[in-house]
Amino acid sequence: MSSTLAGWLQALALVGALALCYRPLGDYIAHLLTSAKHLRIERGLYKVVGVDGDADQRWPVYLRSVLAFSALSILFLYGLIRLQTHLLLSLGMPEMAPHQAWNTAISFTTNTNWQSYSGEAALGHLVQMAGLAVQNFVSAAVGIAIVAALIRGFTRNRTDRVGNFWVDLTRIVLRLLLPLSIVFALVLVANGVIQNFHGFHDLATLGGDTQSIPGGPVASQEVIKELGTNGGGFFNANSAHPFENPNGFTNWLEIFLLLVISFSLPRTFGKMVGDNRQGYAIVAVMAIFWVASAALITFAESQHSGTALQAAGGAMEGKEQRFGIAASSLFAASTTLTSTGAVNSFHDSFTPFGGGITIFNMMLGEIAPGGTGSGLYGMLILAIVAVFVAGLMVGRTPEYLGKKLGGREMKFASLYILTTPALVLIGTGIAMALPGERAGMLNSGAHGFSEVLYAFTSASNNNGSAFAGITVNTPWYDTALGLAMVFGRFLPMVFVLALAGSLAQQQPVPASAGTLPTHKPLFVGLLSGVVLIVVGLTYFPALALGPIAEGLH
């Protein structure tokens, strides 16, 4: 079987599996977010932490709960990393420098999982399990909780309540992420992903040399890193490492896991607002960008210009021979269109246009389908902007799902859209203006600029993947990228929750002849155009200086 045919079959199987999961998983998530019943273990947890599970919160209280929980998570993880030499299962790993520990703690708490260290050579098993893996669960749950609050803003009327963060967080972890992780971790183990508490073993190679082989609880972390769109690898090679991703099936399964919840959440949205057609419209836009991105990256990486590329049959530098171009491109498109950041090939080695598309994917806000929760609330913000643009065209006050979009709502949406580009472009500009930080680039010229641009795009959008040809384990980069991760994660949440509170206070407006249908192909096209024009063109000058300039050279 040719690699091209194998790639097509993998993609078709992936589309089929996601389509099969769309309705049941989306309906299940809607049920757990709306059910009035609490499990016994949930009631016990609420009692321990002093939470009334039946009391909803106003959006400022919901926001304070999110920020307080995240701040405590950062402090706990920072302390765990700094003290790891004194903990069990440390494997003799030295403690991280303060600036790197700060960056790592923020990275995993914000669902970014940016790593300025080599996983198997920096952290012991206890920190991996009790620190990083735990944050993989709860940071993903926070994203879903935020979009749940926004959806309640559309469904509730004349109230200042948007839900209970502690209830949402607990239910998402216990009823969704944990059960799925247990099942698929067993599948990964059955297919060769390692799961043990071994340290390093020195083994003789076929060439007569000695190689130190690490072990660890990999499968349990691998599954939630993909399912929760986290991305941090147990090993430095991430999903290119055979202990994390042993074969073609596990590669396909990992792509499926990093997409399945985010692609199912539009169904949850449609179910909760009482109109499944709204979910179909949103998921259609997500699918359009995902398919287009995967096709364009595959095309770019399959070009045979140059003697070496012709001999290899494509741009194979930085790619696993086990997976080839098609599977690597599909993984790259999926991981950069979500907030996952896991990689099975190295984007720094992609062709200029192939690598440029991975950057552009993140610049769109990772909305196709995006991170767990964050992708959907990003797309809903853009849907609000699309409705507003349509309202301007016909001279009518815009409405979306029965809620008027006035000046207050559009201010929150505008601030949301402007936040990430400001972080990316200002951060990249400062880094390029500092001679010492420019020296961290492995390459000069357009590609070197792309490395810096990728780093701040990845951090600000909470993705976590990287153009590896840049030295980021420095006090400046650890601090600057850490700040980009914090502001890129929590500032948008402020605007989303404020918007949810504003919508929930409104009285619904009945649909009329002038109401824009937001479930038809016309709206799908309008929303797709807004994504490209309002978001994509913001970054065009930066892309022109980086991957576009390199590709045209």
Protein backbone atom coordinates (compact mmCIF):
# COMPACT_ATOMS: atom_id res chain seq x y z
CA MET A 1 0.00 0.00 0.00
CA SER A 2 1.35 3.41 -0.95
CA SER A 3 1.84 6.06 1.72
CA THR A 4 -0.64 8.32 -0.10
CA LEU A 5 -3.38 5.70 0.00
CA ALA A 6 -2.58 4.93 3.63
CA GLY A 7 -2.90 8.62 4.44
CA TRP A 8 -6.30 8.86 2.75
CA LEU A 9 -7.54 5.76 4.59
CA GLN A 10 -6.35 7.11 7.94
CA ALA A 11 -8.07 10.43 7.34
CA LEU A 12 -11.33 8.79 6.25
CA ALA A 13 -11.28 6.44 9.24
CA LEU A 14 -10.67 9.44 11.51
CA VAL A 15 -13.59 11.37 10.03
CA GLY A 16 -15.84 8.33 10.43
CA ALA A 17 -14.84 7.76 14.05
CA LEU A 18 -15.34 11.43 14.95
CA ALA A 19 -18.74 11.45 13.24
CA LEU A 20 -19.81 8.36 15.18
CA CYS A 21 -18.81 10.00 18.48
CA TYR A 22 -20.30 13.44 17.73
CA ARG A 23 -23.84 12.77 18.88
CA PRO A 24 -23.45 10.36 21.83
CA LEU A 25 -20.45 12.12 23.37
CA GLY A 26 -21.88 15.59 22.78
CA ASP A 27 -25.22 14.59 24.30
CA TYR A 28 -23.47 13.01 27.28
CA ILE A 29 -21.45 16.15 27.99
CA ALA A 30 -24.64 18.23 27.76
CA HIS A 31 -26.30 15.89 30.23
CA LEU A 32 -23.52 16.07 32.81
CA LEU A 33 -23.45 19.88 32.54
CA THR A 34 -27.20 20.24 33.03
CA SER A 35 -28.16 17.39 35.36
CA ALA A 36 -29.46 18.38 38.79
CA LYS A 37 -28.26 15.12 40.35
CA HIS A 38 -24.91 14.82 42.14
CA LEU A 39 -23.04 11.56 42.54
CA ARG A 40 -22.24 10.44 46.06
CA ILE A 41 -18.51 10.99 45.57
CA GLU A 42 -19.25 14.48 44.25
CA ARG A 43 -21.37 15.38 47.26
CA GLY A 44 -18.53 14.18 49.48
CA LEU A 45 -16.02 16.38 47.69
CA TYR A 46 -18.32 19.41 47.92
CA LYS A 47 -18.66 18.84 51.65
CA VAL A 48 -14.89 18.60 52.12
CA VAL A 49 -14.18 21.88 50.32
CA GLY A 50 -17.26 23.66 51.66
CA VAL A 51 -19.15 24.09 48.38
CA ASP A 52 -22.92 24.15 47.98
CA GLY A 53 -23.43 22.05 44.86
CA ASP A 54 -26.92 23.47 44.29
CA ALA A 55 -25.93 27.15 44.43
CA ASP A 56 -25.08 28.87 41.15
CA GLN A 57 -22.57 31.70 40.93
CA ARG A 58 -22.60 35.13 39.34
CA TRP A 59 -20.00 35.51 36.61
CA PRO A 60 -17.54 37.51 38.79
CA VAL A 61 -17.69 34.79 41.44
CA TYR A 62 -17.29 32.09 38.79
CA LEU A 63 -14.25 33.97 37.46
CA ARG A 64 -12.71 34.37 40.91
CA SER A 65 -13.13 30.64 41.48
CA VAL A 66 -11.32 29.89 38.22
CA LEU A 67 -8.47 32.28 38.99
CA ALA A 68 -8.10 31.14 42.61
CA PHE A 69 -8.03 27.47 41.61
CA SER A 70 -5.49 28.14 38.85
CA ALA A 71 -3.28 30.26 41.10
CA LEU A 72 -3.17 27.53 43.74
CA SER A 73 -2.41 24.98 41.01
CA ILE A 74 0.56 27.04 39.83
CA LEU A 75 1.93 27.39 43.36
CA PHE A 76 1.47 23.68 44.12
CA LEU A 77 3.12 22.55 40.90
CA TYR A 78 5.97 25.05 41.28
CA GLY A 79 6.68 23.76 44.79
CA LEU A 80 6.50 20.14 43.65
CA ILE A 81 9.00 20.76 40.86
CA ARG A 82 11.41 22.71 43.04
CA LEU A 83 11.34 20.08 45.80
CA GLN A 84 11.48 17.00 43.60
CA THR A 85 14.98 15.96 44.74
CA HIS A 86 13.50 15.35 48.20
CA LEU A 87 10.50 13.34 46.96
CA LEU A 88 9.94 9.68 46.19
CA LEU A 89 10.57 8.41 42.65
CA SER A 90 12.72 11.44 41.84
CA LEU A 91 15.23 9.16 40.02
CA GLY A 92 17.98 11.47 41.24
CA MET A 93 16.79 14.34 39.05
CA PRO A 94 18.14 17.74 40.11
CA GLU A 95 15.77 20.53 40.99
CA MET A 96 14.82 22.92 38.21
CA ALA A 97 16.05 26.49 38.15
CA PRO A 98 13.43 28.94 39.49
CA HIS A 99 12.71 30.53 36.11
CA GLN A 100 12.26 27.16 34.42
CA ALA A 101 10.08 25.81 37.25
CA TRP A 102 7.91 28.94 36.98
CA ASN A 103 7.56 28.44 33.24
CA THR A 104 6.69 24.75 33.62
CA ALA A 105 4.15 25.30 36.40
CA ILE A 106 2.36 27.97 34.39
CA SER A 107 2.60 25.92 31.22
CA PHE A 108 0.74 22.89 32.58
CA THR A 109 -1.79 24.90 34.58
CA THR A 110 -2.79 26.92 31.51
CA ASN A 111 -3.23 23.81 29.33
CA THR A 112 -0.23 24.91 27.26
CA ASN A 113 2.34 22.24 28.19
CA TRP A 114 5.20 24.19 26.66
CA GLN A 115 8.40 22.40 27.65
CA SER A 116 11.78 24.10 27.83
CA TYR A 117 13.28 20.87 29.19
CA SER A 118 13.73 17.26 28.17
CA GLY A 119 11.02 15.30 29.97
CA GLU A 120 12.88 12.08 30.70
CA ALA A 121 16.00 13.98 31.86
CA ALA A 122 14.40 16.62 34.07
CA LEU A 123 11.44 15.27 36.06
CA GLY A 124 10.94 12.20 38.21
CA HIS A 125 7.93 9.90 38.13
CA LEU A 126 6.12 11.47 41.11
CA VAL A 127 6.21 14.96 39.62
CA GLN A 128 5.09 13.57 36.27
CA MET A 129 2.11 11.79 37.89
CA ALA A 130 1.07 13.97 40.84
CA GLY A 131 1.99 17.25 39.18
CA LEU A 132 1.84 17.27 35.40
CA ALA A 133 -0.76 14.55 34.84
CA VAL A 134 -3.13 16.06 37.42
CA GLN A 135 -2.93 19.43 35.71
CA ASN A 136 -3.62 17.74 32.40
CA PHE A 137 -6.99 16.70 33.84
CA VAL A 138 -8.02 19.87 35.63
CA SER A 139 -6.77 22.40 33.07
CA ALA A 140 -8.79 20.64 30.38
CA ALA A 141 -11.81 20.63 32.69
CA VAL A 142 -11.45 24.38 33.28
CA GLY A 143 -11.73 25.04 29.55
CA ILE A 144 -14.94 23.01 29.26
CA ALA A 145 -16.34 24.73 32.37
CA ILE A 146 -15.80 28.17 30.80
CA VAL A 147 -17.66 27.27 27.61
CA ALA A 148 -20.44 25.74 29.72
CA ALA A 149 -20.86 29.10 31.45
CA LEU A 150 -20.99 30.89 28.09
CA ILE A 151 -23.65 28.51 26.76
CA ARG A 152 -25.72 29.14 29.91
CA GLY A 153 -25.50 32.83 29.07
CA PHE A 154 -27.47 32.04 25.91
CA THR A 155 -29.94 29.69 27.58
CA ARG A 156 -30.74 31.65 30.75
CA ASN A 157 -32.87 34.77 30.95
CA ARG A 158 -33.03 37.69 33.36
CA THR A 159 -30.56 36.17 35.80
CA ASP A 160 -27.04 36.94 36.96
CA ARG A 161 -26.10 33.26 37.44
CA VAL A 162 -23.97 31.26 35.00
CA GLY A 163 -23.41 28.02 36.94
CA ASN A 164 -21.10 26.70 39.64
CA PHE A 165 -17.44 26.35 38.71
CA TRP A 166 -16.69 23.75 41.38
CA VAL A 167 -19.57 21.56 40.25
CA ASP A 168 -18.59 21.88 36.59
CA LEU A 169 -14.94 21.11 37.33
CA THR A 170 -15.73 18.08 39.47
CA ARG A 171 -18.22 16.57 37.05
CA ILE A 172 -16.03 17.03 33.99
CA VAL A 173 -13.06 15.35 35.65
CA LEU A 174 -14.95 12.48 37.34
CA ARG A 175 -17.61 11.76 34.75
CA LEU A 176 -15.84 12.54 31.48
CA LEU A 177 -12.05 12.79 31.48
CA LEU A 178 -11.19 10.14 34.05
CA PRO A 179 -13.36 7.29 32.65
CA LEU A 180 -12.25 7.91 29.07
CA SER A 181 -8.61 8.12 30.16
CA ILE A 182 -8.77 4.78 31.97
CA VAL A 183 -10.27 3.01 28.97
CA PHE A 184 -7.92 4.44 26.37
CA ALA A 185 -4.84 4.12 28.60
CA LEU A 186 -5.50 0.37 28.62
CA VAL A 187 -5.80 0.45 24.84
CA LEU A 188 -2.47 2.25 24.56
CA VAL A 189 -0.77 -0.22 26.92
CA ALA A 190 -2.18 -3.12 24.90
CA ASN A 191 -0.60 -1.60 21.80
CA GLY A 192 2.87 -1.08 23.20
CA VAL A 193 2.93 2.21 25.12
CA ILE A 194 4.93 1.59 28.29
CA GLN A 195 3.51 1.93 31.80
CA ASN A 196 5.89 1.16 34.66
CA PHE A 197 7.92 2.74 37.45
CA HIS A 198 11.34 1.84 36.07
CA GLY A 199 14.20 4.25 36.12
CA PHE A 200 17.04 4.16 33.61
CA HIS A 201 18.44 0.83 32.42
CA ASP A 202 21.77 0.52 30.64
CA LEU A 203 21.40 -1.89 27.73
CA ALA A 204 23.86 -3.14 25.13
CA THR A 205 23.11 -2.06 21.57
CA LEU A 206 23.62 -4.11 18.41
CA GLY A 207 26.73 -2.07 17.71
CA GLY A 208 28.28 -3.08 21.02
CA ASP A 209 27.75 0.26 22.75
CA THR A 210 25.70 0.96 25.88
CA GLN A 211 22.52 3.03 25.85
CA SER A 212 20.53 4.23 28.84
CA ILE A 213 16.82 3.47 28.30
CA PRO A 214 14.25 5.29 30.47
CA GLY A 215 10.95 3.88 31.70
CA GLY A 216 7.98 5.42 33.44
CA PRO A 217 4.19 5.75 33.73
CA VAL A 218 3.81 6.90 30.13
CA ALA A 219 0.45 5.53 28.93
CA SER A 220 -1.51 7.12 31.79
CA GLN A 221 -0.04 10.52 30.92
CA GLU A 222 -0.12 10.02 27.16
CA VAL A 223 -3.87 9.49 27.05
CA ILE A 224 -4.84 12.62 29.00
CA LYS A 225 -2.23 14.74 27.21
CA GLU A 226 -4.15 14.03 23.99
CA LEU A 227 -7.71 13.76 25.33
CA GLY A 228 -7.40 17.03 27.25
CA THR A 229 -5.57 18.78 24.36
CA ASN A 230 -2.56 19.32 26.63
CA GLY A 231 0.40 18.03 24.64
CA GLY A 232 3.33 17.76 27.03
CA GLY A 233 5.40 14.68 26.30
CA PHE A 234 6.85 12.29 28.86
CA PHE A 235 9.85 12.10 26.53
CA ASN A 236 11.56 14.94 24.73
CA ALA A 237 10.67 13.46 21.34
CA ASN A 238 7.00 13.58 22.38
CA SER A 239 4.74 11.44 20.17
CA ALA A 240 7.64 10.65 17.86
CA HIS A 241 9.11 8.46 20.63
CA PRO A 242 8.30 4.74 20.21
CA PHE A 243 7.53 4.39 23.93
CA GLU A 244 4.81 7.06 23.59
CA ASN A 245 3.65 6.22 20.07
CA PRO A 246 4.76 2.74 19.03
CA ASN A 247 2.95 2.16 15.72
CA GLY A 248 0.53 3.41 13.10
CA PHE A 249 -2.57 2.51 15.09
CA THR A 250 -1.48 4.38 18.22
CA ASN A 251 -0.59 7.35 16.02
CA TRP A 252 -4.12 7.34 14.56
CA LEU A 253 -5.65 6.85 18.00
CA GLU A 254 -3.74 9.79 19.47
CA ILE A 255 -5.00 12.06 16.69
CA PHE A 256 -8.53 10.82 17.38
CA LEU A 257 -8.18 11.47 21.11
CA LEU A 258 -6.95 15.03 20.71
CA LEU A 259 -9.92 15.84 18.42
CA VAL A 260 -12.85 13.87 19.81
CA ILE A 261 -14.01 16.06 22.71
CA SER A 262 -13.52 19.35 20.90
CA PHE A 263 -15.36 18.13 17.81
CA SER A 264 -18.21 16.81 20.00
CA LEU A 265 -18.71 20.01 22.01
CA PRO A 266 -20.68 21.78 19.23
CA ARG A 267 -23.29 19.05 19.69
CA THR A 268 -23.29 19.89 23.40
CA PHE A 269 -23.84 23.53 22.45
CA GLY A 270 -26.75 22.68 20.15
CA LYS A 271 -28.30 20.39 22.74
CA MET A 272 -28.08 22.96 25.54
CA VAL A 273 -29.53 25.83 23.46
CA GLY A 274 -32.32 23.58 22.21
CA ASP A 275 -31.39 23.66 18.51
CA ASN A 276 -29.01 20.97 17.26
CA ARG A 277 -28.75 22.78 13.92
CA GLN A 278 -26.68 25.47 15.66
CA GLY A 279 -24.15 22.81 16.60
CA TYR A 280 -24.04 21.48 13.04
CA ALA A 281 -23.24 24.96 11.71
CA ILE A 282 -20.37 25.44 14.18
CA VAL A 283 -18.88 21.99 13.61
CA ALA A 284 -19.12 22.53 9.83
CA VAL A 285 -16.89 25.60 10.06
CA MET A 286 -14.45 23.71 12.28
CA ALA A 287 -14.35 20.80 9.83
CA ILE A 288 -13.76 23.07 6.83
CA PHE A 289 -10.63 24.57 8.39
CA TRP A 290 -9.38 21.24 9.69
CA VAL A 291 -9.71 19.49 6.33
CA ALA A 292 -8.19 22.43 4.47
CA SER A 293 -5.24 22.64 6.85
CA ALA A 294 -4.48 18.91 6.71
CA ALA A 295 -4.68 18.94 2.90
CA LEU A 296 -2.46 22.02 2.51
CA ILE A 297 0.22 20.75 4.90
CA THR A 298 0.25 17.35 3.18
CA PHE A 299 0.56 19.04 -0.21
CA ALA A 300 3.39 21.31 0.97
CA GLU A 301 5.31 18.45 2.55
CA SER A 302 4.87 16.20 -0.48
CA GLN A 303 6.61 18.55 -2.92
CA HIS A 304 9.73 17.06 -4.43
CA SER A 305 11.74 20.13 -5.32
CA GLY A 306 15.42 19.49 -4.76
CA THR A 307 17.57 16.38 -5.22
CA ALA A 308 17.35 15.20 -1.60
CA LEU A 309 13.57 15.60 -1.43
CA GLN A 310 13.12 13.78 -4.75
CA ALA A 311 15.19 10.87 -3.48
CA ALA A 312 13.18 10.70 -0.27
CA GLY A 313 9.84 11.08 -2.04
CA GLY A 314 9.02 14.23 -0.11
CA ALA A 315 10.22 16.45 2.71
CA MET A 316 11.11 13.68 5.19
CA GLU A 317 13.55 15.67 7.33
CA GLY A 318 12.28 15.72 10.92
CA LYS A 319 9.63 13.07 10.26
CA GLU A 320 9.34 9.52 11.55
CA GLN A 321 9.87 6.89 8.88
CA ARG A 322 7.16 4.84 10.62
CA PHE A 323 4.50 7.45 9.86
CA GLY A 324 5.60 9.21 6.70
CA ILE A 325 4.34 12.49 5.29
CA ALA A 326 0.59 11.89 5.35
CA ALA A 327 0.30 10.79 8.97
CA SER A 328 2.79 13.45 10.10
CA SER A 329 0.89 16.20 8.27
CA LEU A 330 -2.45 15.04 9.66
CA PHE A 331 -1.00 15.06 13.17
CA ALA A 332 0.56 18.50 12.64
CA ALA A 333 -2.69 20.03 11.40
CA SER A 334 -4.71 18.48 14.21
CA THR A 335 -2.34 19.42 16.99
CA THR A 336 -1.94 23.06 15.92
CA LEU A 337 -5.66 23.54 15.27
CA THR A 338 -6.27 22.36 18.82
CA SER A 339 -4.38 23.55 21.88
CA THR A 340 -2.62 20.21 22.15
CA GLY A 341 0.96 20.86 21.14
CA ALA A 342 1.87 17.18 20.91
CA VAL A 343 4.00 16.37 17.86
CA ASN A 344 5.01 13.22 16.01
CA SER A 345 7.37 15.18 13.75
CA PHE A 346 9.34 18.38 14.14
CA HIS A 347 7.66 21.43 12.67
CA ASP A 348 10.96 23.29 12.48
CA SER A 349 11.97 20.86 9.72
CA PHE A 350 8.79 21.31 7.69
CA THR A 351 8.89 23.13 4.37
CA PRO A 352 8.42 26.91 4.70
CA PHE A 353 4.77 26.80 3.67
CA GLY A 354 4.04 23.62 5.63
CA GLY A 355 5.53 25.12 8.77
CA GLY A 356 3.80 28.42 8.03
CA ILE A 357 0.41 26.72 8.00
CA THR A 358 1.06 25.25 11.46
CA ILE A 359 1.75 28.79 12.72
CA PHE A 360 -1.35 30.13 10.96
CA ASN A 361 -3.46 27.37 12.53
CA MET A 362 -2.55 28.62 15.99
CA MET A 363 -3.01 32.25 14.99
CA LEU A 364 -6.63 31.51 14.12
CA GLY A 365 -7.11 30.93 17.84
CA GLU A 366 -7.08 27.14 17.59
CA ILE A 367 -10.79 26.99 16.87
CA ALA A 368 -10.99 24.12 14.41
CA PRO A 369 -11.88 22.40 16.65
CA GLY A 370 -9.61 24.03 19.22
CA GLY A 371 -8.83 23.00 22.77
CA THR A 372 -11.26 21.31 25.11
CA GLY A 373 -13.76 24.10 25.67
CA SER A 374 -11.49 26.92 24.55
CA GLY A 375 -11.99 26.05 20.88
CA LEU A 376 -15.78 26.24 21.13
CA TYR A 377 -15.91 29.46 23.13
CA GLY A 378 -13.43 31.01 20.68
CA MET A 379 -15.64 29.98 17.77
CA LEU A 380 -18.77 31.31 19.52
CA ILE A 381 -17.06 34.67 20.01
CA LEU A 382 -16.33 34.76 16.29
CA ALA A 383 -19.93 33.72 15.58
CA ILE A 384 -21.07 36.76 17.57
CA VAL A 385 -18.76 38.96 15.49
CA ALA A 386 -20.14 37.39 12.29
CA VAL A 387 -23.71 38.12 13.37
CA PHE A 388 -22.71 41.68 14.24
CA VAL A 389 -21.12 42.17 10.80
CA ALA A 390 -24.27 40.85 9.15
CA GLY A 391 -26.36 43.24 11.24
CA LEU A 392 -24.27 46.18 10.06
CA MET A 393 -24.88 45.16 6.46
CA VAL A 394 -28.67 45.36 6.79
CA GLY A 395 -28.85 48.15 9.37
CA ARG A 396 -30.42 46.00 12.08
CA THR A 397 -29.48 45.36 15.71
CA PRO A 398 -27.82 41.94 15.59
CA GLU A 399 -29.25 38.98 17.50
CA TYR A 400 -27.77 35.56 18.17
CA LEU A 401 -29.90 32.80 19.64
CA GLY A 402 -32.47 35.32 20.82
CA LYS A 403 -29.99 37.63 22.56
CA LYS A 404 -29.27 41.16 21.33
CA LEU A 405 -25.64 42.00 20.68
CA GLY A 406 -25.20 45.59 21.76
CA GLY A 407 -22.19 47.73 22.53
CA ARG A 408 -21.41 45.96 25.80
CA GLU A 409 -21.38 42.50 24.25
CA MET A 410 -19.30 43.60 21.27
CA LYS A 411 -16.72 45.25 23.52
CA PHE A 412 -16.15 41.94 25.30
CA ALA A 413 -15.95 40.09 21.96
CA SER A 414 -13.52 42.67 20.53
CA LEU A 415 -11.26 42.55 23.56
CA TYR A 416 -11.21 38.77 23.32
CA ILE A 417 -10.13 38.90 19.67
CA LEU A 418 -7.45 41.54 20.27
CA THR A 419 -5.82 39.94 23.31
CA THR A 420 -3.90 37.10 21.69
CA PRO A 421 -2.58 39.00 18.65
CA ALA A 422 -1.29 41.71 20.98
CA LEU A 423 0.59 39.15 23.07
CA VAL A 424 2.03 37.38 20.02
CA LEU A 425 3.14 40.44 18.08
CA ILE A 426 4.42 42.48 21.02
CA GLY A 427 6.30 39.50 22.47
CA THR A 428 7.85 38.64 19.11
CA GLY A 429 8.79 42.29 18.51
CA ILE A 430 10.52 42.61 21.88
CA ALA A 431 12.42 39.35 21.39
CA MET A 432 13.64 40.43 17.96
CA ALA A 433 14.68 43.83 19.34
CA LEU A 434 16.95 42.30 22.00
CA PRO A 435 20.31 41.15 20.62
CA GLY A 436 20.77 38.59 23.37
CA GLU A 437 17.45 36.91 22.60
CA ARG A 438 18.05 36.95 18.84
CA ALA A 439 21.22 35.02 19.57
CA GLY A 440 19.03 32.15 20.83
CA MET A 441 17.82 31.48 17.28
CA LEU A 442 19.44 28.48 15.65
CA ASN A 443 18.79 29.94 12.20
CA SER A 444 19.13 33.45 10.86
CA GLY A 445 16.89 35.28 8.44
CA ALA A 446 13.25 34.48 7.79
CA HIS A 447 13.39 31.02 9.34
CA GLY A 448 14.95 32.35 12.53
CA PHE A 449 12.16 34.93 12.75
CA SER A 450 9.63 32.10 12.26
CA GLU A 451 11.14 30.28 15.25
CA VAL A 452 10.52 33.27 17.52
CA LEU A 453 7.09 33.96 16.03
CA TYR A 454 6.12 30.31 16.51
CA ALA A 455 7.23 30.39 20.16
CA PHE A 456 5.07 33.38 21.10
CA THR A 457 2.16 32.19 18.97
CA SER A 458 2.28 28.80 20.66
CA ALA A 459 2.57 30.22 24.17
CA SER A 460 -0.08 32.94 23.77
CA ASN A 461 -2.57 30.49 22.23
CA ASN A 462 -1.80 27.84 24.88
CA ASN A 463 -0.65 25.31 22.30
CA GLY A 464 2.79 24.27 23.54
CA SER A 465 4.44 22.93 20.39
CA ALA A 466 7.58 24.63 19.09
CA PHE A 467 9.95 25.24 16.23
CA ALA A 468 12.70 23.45 18.09
CA GLY A 469 15.54 25.50 16.63
CA ILE A 470 15.49 28.13 19.35
CA THR A 471 17.05 28.22 22.82
CA VAL A 472 14.21 29.09 25.20
CA ASN A 473 15.57 27.81 28.52
CA THR A 474 16.85 31.24 29.52
CA PRO A 475 15.55 33.52 32.26
CA TRP A 476 14.16 35.98 29.69
CA TYR A 477 12.35 33.48 27.50
CA ASP A 478 11.05 31.44 30.46
CA THR A 479 9.65 34.63 31.99
CA ALA A 480 8.31 36.20 28.79
CA LEU A 481 6.68 33.03 27.50
CA GLY A 482 5.29 32.32 30.96
CA LEU A 483 3.59 35.72 30.98
CA ALA A 484 2.27 35.09 27.47
CA MET A 485 0.76 31.80 28.65
CA VAL A 486 -0.88 33.39 31.71
CA PHE A 487 -2.39 36.35 29.88
CA GLY A 488 -3.26 34.26 26.83
CA ARG A 489 -5.21 31.84 29.00
CA PHE A 490 -6.95 33.97 31.58
CA LEU A 491 -7.62 37.34 29.92
CA PRO A 492 -9.85 35.70 27.27
CA MET A 493 -11.67 33.84 30.04
CA VAL A 494 -12.43 37.16 31.74
CA PHE A 495 -14.10 38.47 28.59
CA VAL A 496 -15.95 35.19 27.92
CA LEU A 497 -17.43 35.07 31.42
CA ALA A 498 -18.30 38.77 31.34
CA LEU A 499 -20.09 38.16 28.04
CA ALA A 500 -21.89 35.16 29.53
CA GLY A 501 -23.11 37.28 32.43
CA SER A 502 -24.29 40.04 30.10
CA LEU A 503 -26.21 37.60 27.90
CA ALA A 504 -27.81 35.81 30.84
CA GLN A 505 -29.28 39.07 32.13
CA GLN A 506 -31.19 39.74 28.91
CA GLN A 507 -34.77 38.98 28.07
CA PRO A 508 -34.85 36.82 24.91
CA VAL A 509 -35.96 38.48 21.70
CA PRO A 510 -38.35 36.48 19.49
CA ALA A 511 -37.13 35.68 16.00
CA SER A 512 -38.54 37.80 13.19
CA ALA A 513 -38.26 38.13 9.43
CA GLY A 514 -35.10 40.21 9.91
CA THR A 515 -33.33 37.66 12.12
CA LEU A 516 -30.26 36.10 10.51
CA PRO A 517 -30.59 32.28 10.38
CA THR A 518 -27.43 31.03 12.06
CA HIS A 519 -27.87 27.38 11.15
CA LYS A 520 -27.75 27.59 7.35
CA PRO A 521 -24.90 27.36 4.82
CA LEU A 522 -24.95 31.14 4.35
CA PHE A 523 -23.94 31.63 7.98
CA VAL A 524 -21.32 28.88 7.72
CA GLY A 525 -19.75 30.80 4.84
CA LEU A 526 -20.03 34.13 6.65
CA LEU A 527 -18.42 32.76 9.80
CA SER A 528 -15.61 31.15 7.79
CA GLY A 529 -14.96 34.50 6.12
CA VAL A 530 -14.89 36.31 9.45
CA VAL A 531 -12.37 33.82 10.80
CA LEU A 532 -10.04 34.41 7.86
CA ILE A 533 -10.46 38.15 7.53
CA VAL A 534 -10.85 39.39 11.10
CA VAL A 535 -8.38 36.96 12.68
CA GLY A 536 -6.13 35.67 9.94
CA LEU A 537 -5.23 38.98 8.29
CA THR A 538 -4.18 40.42 11.65
CA TYR A 539 -1.03 38.35 11.41
CA PHE A 540 -0.32 38.66 7.69
CA PRO A 541 2.61 41.13 8.04
CA ALA A 542 4.31 38.85 10.55
CA LEU A 543 3.75 35.79 8.36
CA ALA A 544 5.12 37.72 5.38
CA LEU A 545 8.38 38.33 7.27
CA GLY A 546 8.69 34.67 8.27
CA PRO A 547 7.39 31.58 6.45
CA ILE A 548 6.10 33.41 3.36
CA ALA A 549 9.44 35.19 2.80
CA GLU A 550 11.31 31.92 3.33
CA GLY A 551 9.04 30.04 0.95
CA LEU A 552 9.43 32.63 -1.80
CA HIS A 553 13.20 32.88 -1.40
